[in-house]
Protein backbone atom coordinates (compact mmCIF):
# COMPACT_ATOMS: atom_id res chain seq x y z
CA UNK A 1 152.09 37.71 88.82
CA UNK A 2 153.84 40.39 90.68
CA UNK A 3 154.88 44.08 90.20
CA UNK A 4 158.31 44.39 91.76
CA UNK A 5 159.49 47.76 93.08
CA UNK A 6 163.05 48.87 93.98
CA UNK A 7 163.10 50.70 97.33
CA UNK A 8 165.60 53.53 98.17
CA UNK A 9 165.83 54.13 101.93
CA UNK A 10 165.91 57.49 103.76
CA UNK A 11 168.65 58.34 106.20
CA UNK A 12 166.71 56.66 109.00
CA UNK A 13 166.28 53.49 107.19
CA UNK A 14 162.59 54.11 106.24
CA UNK A 15 161.42 54.62 102.70
CA UNK A 16 162.41 57.49 100.89
CA UNK A 17 159.68 59.80 99.39
CA UNK A 18 160.62 59.07 95.78
CA UNK A 19 160.01 55.38 96.51
CA UNK A 20 156.66 55.82 98.10
CA UNK A 21 155.67 57.54 94.81
CA UNK A 22 157.01 54.60 92.96
CA UNK A 23 155.04 52.28 95.24
CA UNK A 24 151.91 54.11 94.45
CA UNK A 25 152.73 53.82 90.71
CA UNK A 26 153.52 50.13 90.98
CA UNK A 27 150.18 49.69 92.99
CA UNK A 28 148.05 51.33 90.32
CA UNK A 29 149.92 49.25 87.61
CA UNK A 30 149.35 46.05 89.39
CA UNK A 31 145.56 46.87 89.78
CA UNK A 32 145.18 47.72 86.02
CA UNK A 33 145.90 44.32 84.81
CA UNK A 34 143.05 42.05 83.55
CA UNK A 35 143.97 39.78 86.38
CA UNK A 36 145.00 42.16 89.22
CA UNK A 37 148.30 41.25 90.95
CA UNK A 38 150.16 42.28 94.00
CA UNK A 39 153.31 44.35 94.60
CA UNK A 40 156.48 43.20 96.17
CA UNK A 41 159.54 45.40 97.21
CA UNK A 42 163.24 44.81 97.39
CA UNK A 43 165.40 46.57 99.94
CA UNK A 44 169.17 46.59 99.93
CA UNK A 45 170.18 46.48 103.51
CA UNK A 46 168.11 46.15 106.71
CA UNK A 47 164.50 46.28 105.88
CA UNK A 48 163.13 46.51 109.36
CA UNK A 49 162.72 50.34 109.53
CA UNK A 50 161.07 50.31 106.01
CA UNK A 51 158.33 47.75 107.02
CA UNK A 52 155.74 50.11 108.41
CA UNK A 53 155.76 52.21 105.24
CA UNK A 54 155.87 49.25 103.00
CA UNK A 55 152.79 47.85 104.80
CA UNK A 56 151.02 51.11 104.49
CA UNK A 57 151.55 51.17 100.87
CA UNK A 58 150.22 47.72 100.13
CA UNK A 59 153.39 45.56 99.91
CA UNK A 60 152.79 41.96 100.77
CA UNK A 61 156.24 40.68 100.28
CA UNK A 62 159.56 42.50 100.87
CA UNK A 63 162.89 41.03 99.93
CA UNK A 64 165.90 42.11 101.91
CA UNK A 65 169.44 41.91 100.17
CA UNK A 66 172.41 42.16 102.31
CA UNK A 67 174.93 44.32 100.34
CA UNK A 68 177.07 46.90 101.82
CA UNK A 69 176.94 50.42 100.06
CA UNK A 70 175.60 51.10 96.70
CA UNK A 71 176.64 48.45 94.13
CA UNK A 72 174.78 49.21 91.08
CA UNK A 73 175.46 46.06 88.93
CA UNK A 74 174.93 43.77 91.97
CA UNK A 75 171.53 45.44 92.64
CA UNK A 76 170.54 44.92 89.07
CA UNK A 77 171.66 41.31 89.14
CA UNK A 78 169.52 40.79 92.35
CA UNK A 79 166.56 42.39 90.70
CA UNK A 80 166.97 40.04 87.60
CA UNK A 81 167.04 37.00 89.94
CA UNK A 82 163.93 38.13 91.75
CA UNK A 83 161.92 39.12 88.79
CA UNK A 84 162.51 35.76 87.36
CA UNK A 85 161.84 33.90 90.50
CA UNK A 86 158.55 35.86 91.03
CA UNK A 87 157.42 35.89 87.27
CA UNK A 88 157.11 39.58 87.74
CA UNK A 89 155.11 41.33 85.05
CA UNK A 90 157.12 44.68 85.70
CA UNK A 91 160.08 46.04 87.67
CA UNK A 92 159.60 49.54 88.76
CA UNK A 93 162.06 52.09 90.32
CA UNK A 94 162.02 55.84 90.90
CA UNK A 95 163.66 57.86 88.21
CA UNK A 96 166.51 58.90 90.54
CA UNK A 97 170.15 58.60 89.82
CA UNK A 98 170.32 55.19 91.51
CA UNK A 99 167.05 53.94 90.08
CA UNK A 100 167.89 54.99 86.46
CA UNK A 101 171.40 53.46 86.73
CA UNK A 102 170.15 50.17 88.23
CA UNK A 103 167.37 49.78 85.72
CA UNK A 104 169.89 50.48 82.83
CA UNK A 105 171.90 47.63 84.00
CA UNK A 106 168.95 45.45 84.39
CA UNK A 107 167.86 46.19 80.84
CA UNK A 108 171.38 45.24 79.56
CA UNK A 109 171.43 41.94 81.55
CA UNK A 110 167.93 40.81 80.28
CA UNK A 111 168.02 42.39 76.84
CA UNK A 112 164.78 44.27 77.45
CA UNK A 113 163.83 47.88 76.67
CA UNK A 114 163.40 50.26 79.60
CA UNK A 115 160.88 53.09 79.58
CA UNK A 116 162.07 56.10 81.69
CA UNK A 117 160.27 58.82 83.40
CA UNK A 118 156.78 57.37 83.32
CA UNK A 119 153.78 59.16 84.71
CA UNK A 120 151.27 56.39 84.46
CA UNK A 121 151.14 52.79 83.11
CA UNK A 122 148.55 50.12 82.63
CA UNK A 123 148.50 46.63 81.17
CA UNK A 124 145.83 45.90 78.46
CA UNK A 125 144.10 42.70 77.35
CA UNK A 126 146.85 42.08 74.70
CA UNK A 127 149.47 41.87 77.58
CA UNK A 128 151.24 45.03 76.36
CA UNK A 129 151.73 48.20 78.54
CA UNK A 130 150.17 51.54 77.73
CA UNK A 131 152.41 54.33 79.05
CA UNK A 132 152.49 58.02 79.61
CA UNK A 133 155.93 59.47 80.16
CA UNK A 134 157.84 62.67 80.39
CA UNK A 135 159.84 63.74 77.34
CA UNK A 136 162.17 66.85 76.63
CA UNK A 137 162.80 67.53 80.33
CA UNK A 138 159.20 67.20 81.17
CA UNK A 139 157.94 69.92 78.64
CA UNK A 140 155.72 67.35 77.04
CA UNK A 141 153.92 64.04 77.61
CA UNK A 142 154.27 61.09 75.24
CA UNK A 143 151.74 58.20 74.87
CA UNK A 144 153.61 54.97 74.18
CA UNK A 145 153.03 51.22 74.07
CA UNK A 146 155.69 48.87 75.56
CA UNK A 147 155.65 45.22 74.49
CA UNK A 148 157.95 43.46 76.94
CA UNK A 149 157.94 40.99 79.84
CA UNK A 150 158.72 42.08 82.33
CA UNK A 151 158.27 45.76 81.63
CA UNK A 152 161.14 47.82 83.03
CA UNK A 153 159.97 51.20 84.14
CA UNK A 154 161.26 54.20 86.13
CA UNK A 155 158.89 56.83 87.57
CA UNK A 156 159.15 60.51 87.02
CA UNK A 157 160.10 61.50 90.64
CA UNK A 158 157.84 64.53 90.82
CA UNK A 159 154.85 63.25 88.70
CA UNK A 160 153.06 60.73 90.90
CA UNK A 161 151.82 61.65 94.46
CA UNK A 162 152.54 59.18 97.14
CA UNK A 163 149.11 57.74 98.17
CA UNK A 164 148.85 54.86 100.77
CA UNK A 165 146.74 51.89 100.10
CA UNK A 166 143.22 51.72 101.39
CA UNK A 167 144.07 48.78 103.72
CA UNK A 168 147.70 48.10 105.18
CA UNK A 169 149.17 44.86 103.96
CA UNK A 170 150.69 42.24 106.25
CA UNK A 171 154.22 42.65 104.96
CA UNK A 172 156.40 39.56 105.24
CA UNK A 173 160.23 40.05 104.89
CA UNK A 174 162.28 37.52 103.16
CA UNK A 175 166.06 37.30 102.97
CA UNK A 176 167.24 37.00 99.45
CA UNK A 177 170.80 36.01 98.44
CA UNK A 178 171.45 36.83 94.72
CA UNK A 179 173.96 34.91 92.60
CA UNK A 180 176.67 37.37 91.95
CA UNK A 181 179.80 37.10 89.99
CA UNK A 182 183.08 38.78 90.89
CA UNK A 183 182.38 41.47 88.10
CA UNK A 184 179.14 42.49 89.84
CA UNK A 185 181.04 43.67 92.83
CA UNK A 186 183.79 45.70 90.99
CA UNK A 187 181.98 49.01 91.23
CA UNK A 188 180.87 49.99 94.60
CA UNK A 189 179.94 53.53 95.65
CA UNK A 190 179.78 54.60 99.27
CA UNK A 191 178.23 57.98 100.34
CA UNK A 192 180.23 60.18 102.59
CA UNK A 193 179.05 60.49 106.18
CA UNK A 194 178.16 64.26 105.53
CA UNK A 195 176.03 63.21 102.62
CA UNK A 196 174.37 60.46 104.37
CA UNK A 197 173.60 62.46 107.52
CA UNK A 198 172.02 65.26 105.39
CA UNK A 199 168.86 65.78 103.47
CA UNK A 200 168.77 64.69 99.81
CA UNK A 201 168.49 67.40 97.31
CA UNK A 202 166.01 65.35 95.22
CA UNK A 203 163.63 64.77 98.47
CA UNK A 204 164.19 67.98 100.45
CA UNK A 205 161.02 69.87 101.35
CA UNK A 206 162.87 73.23 101.27
CA UNK A 207 165.57 74.15 98.77
CA UNK A 208 167.55 77.46 98.87
CA UNK A 209 169.08 77.92 95.39
CA UNK A 210 172.03 80.18 94.51
CA UNK A 211 173.14 81.32 91.12
CA UNK A 212 175.68 83.73 89.69
CA UNK A 213 174.19 86.47 91.56
CA UNK A 214 175.69 85.03 94.81
CA UNK A 215 178.99 86.46 93.71
CA UNK A 216 181.38 83.49 94.37
CA UNK A 217 182.09 80.56 96.70
CA UNK A 218 182.16 82.76 99.78
CA UNK A 219 178.73 84.04 99.04
CA UNK A 220 177.09 80.78 99.86
CA UNK A 221 177.51 81.09 103.66
CA UNK A 222 174.31 83.03 104.01
CA UNK A 223 172.42 80.48 101.96
CA UNK A 224 173.79 77.62 104.08
CA UNK A 225 172.62 79.43 107.19
CA UNK A 226 169.11 79.99 105.73
CA UNK A 227 168.77 76.56 104.57
CA UNK A 228 169.73 75.27 107.85
CA UNK A 229 167.09 77.44 109.61
CA UNK A 230 164.42 76.22 107.37
CA UNK A 231 165.42 72.44 107.59
CA UNK A 232 166.42 72.46 103.95
CA UNK A 233 169.34 72.07 101.44
CA UNK A 234 171.25 74.32 99.19
CA UNK A 235 170.87 73.84 95.44
CA UNK A 236 172.68 75.69 92.66
CA UNK A 237 172.40 76.72 88.98
CA UNK A 238 174.58 75.14 86.27
CA UNK A 239 176.86 78.26 86.09
CA UNK A 240 177.80 77.83 89.63
CA UNK A 241 179.12 74.35 89.08
CA UNK A 242 180.74 75.46 85.95
CA UNK A 243 182.75 78.08 87.80
CA UNK A 244 183.66 75.53 90.31
CA UNK A 245 182.09 77.34 93.21
CA UNK A 246 180.02 74.28 94.36
CA UNK A 247 179.91 70.52 93.48
CA UNK A 248 177.70 69.22 90.66
CA UNK A 249 175.69 66.99 93.19
CA UNK A 250 174.05 70.41 94.20
CA UNK A 251 172.94 71.37 90.76
CA UNK A 252 169.35 71.84 89.98
CA UNK A 253 168.20 71.48 86.46
CA UNK A 254 167.92 69.28 83.34
CA UNK A 255 171.51 68.21 83.80
CA UNK A 256 171.45 68.17 87.37
CA UNK A 257 168.77 67.08 89.99
CA UNK A 258 164.96 67.74 89.46
CA UNK A 259 163.37 68.84 92.77
CA UNK A 260 159.91 68.97 93.96
CA UNK A 261 160.12 70.75 97.33
CA UNK A 262 157.35 72.61 99.16
CA UNK A 263 159.39 75.74 98.87
CA UNK A 264 162.23 76.72 96.37
CA UNK A 265 163.78 80.02 97.30
CA UNK A 266 165.97 80.93 94.20
CA UNK A 267 168.52 83.65 95.01
CA UNK A 268 170.40 85.29 92.20
CA UNK A 269 169.22 82.85 89.60
CA UNK A 270 168.14 84.12 86.29
CA UNK A 271 166.04 81.03 85.43
CA UNK A 272 167.16 79.56 82.16
CA UNK A 273 164.93 77.00 80.73
CA UNK A 274 167.41 74.12 81.76
CA UNK A 275 167.28 75.33 85.39
CA UNK A 276 163.53 75.75 85.30
CA UNK A 277 162.97 72.18 84.03
CA UNK A 278 164.45 71.02 87.28
CA UNK A 279 162.47 73.06 89.62
CA UNK A 280 158.97 73.69 88.09
CA UNK A 281 157.66 70.89 90.25
CA UNK A 282 158.23 72.89 93.33
CA UNK A 283 154.93 73.76 95.08
CA UNK A 284 155.97 77.46 95.66
CA UNK A 285 158.83 79.34 94.08
CA UNK A 286 160.18 82.42 95.66
CA UNK A 287 162.71 84.55 93.70
CA UNK A 288 165.25 87.11 94.98
CA UNK A 289 166.75 89.04 92.23
CA UNK A 290 167.98 92.51 91.36
CA UNK A 291 166.65 92.15 87.73
CA UNK A 292 162.82 92.44 87.55
CA UNK A 293 163.03 91.08 83.92
CA UNK A 294 164.67 87.87 84.86
CA UNK A 295 162.94 84.84 83.30
CA UNK A 296 162.52 83.22 86.73
CA UNK A 297 160.42 86.24 87.90
CA UNK A 298 157.54 85.34 85.56
CA UNK A 299 157.46 81.66 86.94
CA UNK A 300 157.74 82.60 90.67
CA UNK A 301 154.78 82.58 93.03
CA UNK A 302 156.49 85.46 94.94
CA UNK A 303 159.39 87.76 93.84
CA UNK A 304 161.64 90.14 95.92
CA UNK A 305 163.38 92.59 93.76
CA UNK A 306 166.43 93.44 95.59
CA UNK A 307 169.99 92.51 96.63
CA UNK A 308 170.16 89.04 98.17
CA UNK A 309 173.01 90.29 100.31
CA UNK A 310 170.52 92.58 102.00
CA UNK A 311 167.37 90.41 101.66
CA UNK A 312 168.78 87.16 103.13
CA UNK A 313 170.37 88.51 106.34
CA UNK A 314 167.07 90.36 107.09
CA UNK A 315 165.08 87.11 106.48
CA UNK A 316 167.46 85.17 108.63
CA UNK A 317 167.13 87.87 111.56
CA UNK A 318 163.30 87.61 111.21
CA UNK A 319 163.28 83.94 111.36
CA UNK A 320 165.63 83.86 114.41
CA UNK A 321 163.44 86.45 116.11
CA UNK A 322 160.33 84.49 115.47
CA UNK A 323 161.91 81.20 116.72
CA UNK A 324 163.10 82.88 119.97
């Protein structure tokens, strides 16, 4: 019996941080079974750069599937074939946009239920799965029992720390060719060169956020500059995307991307509950706002009460001076 984990790759071909967390979850699930099993991974594309991390996290077998670009239905079809061939007890993926979409397709193909945003999972003596998962945008935890074989699970991206296995595994890479129909290849997404070359909002270690207080599209230049100096990315609140100032892919929040950076610098953001649902897993929140009563101030580790158009240029100047 095997727990199969979908791997998302970083820009350099290695394993994305969200998938390292999913591998940790999968390893714990495999160890919880009455008869402990191993974990296997599936990588869409060249798996060579991912092998060191897969080995470090205890993956014994990796299956490389040659598909160009992101093809959600074909990815799900490949997972279905692998799960059946390996007699997998569970299929696990990070709860990212890709992971959630592929697992939803897999559930549709197999007729099996999918449990989303899991924090922990274990298999009991009756063969069912005892789960704890996030509900209501992470504001509460739900205890649940899943009776399905295999179990289809996505992992809350910010809830499980990435922990390497005690002993690295000797990872063997196998080429896998799924049986695909023409319909499986109809929908294919390709990321732009700019997006692929940059840092993902979901996995960035530093996020500089901007809200209505930025003033308009032209006000984001200083945020972009600061994010570049800190090796981070720009995120925005929902109102910014609603106004058309920035694209939805940069939105942080319940209806956007959930982030878990080391630092979230929130500029001109009031901190509505939907926004906070997306950033509460940040290790440190620093707020810059003219309103000392803004909700985000009470959630921030540090707050600067002032005009971001004065605070951020001063911060940029200080960073540049220190770097030189």
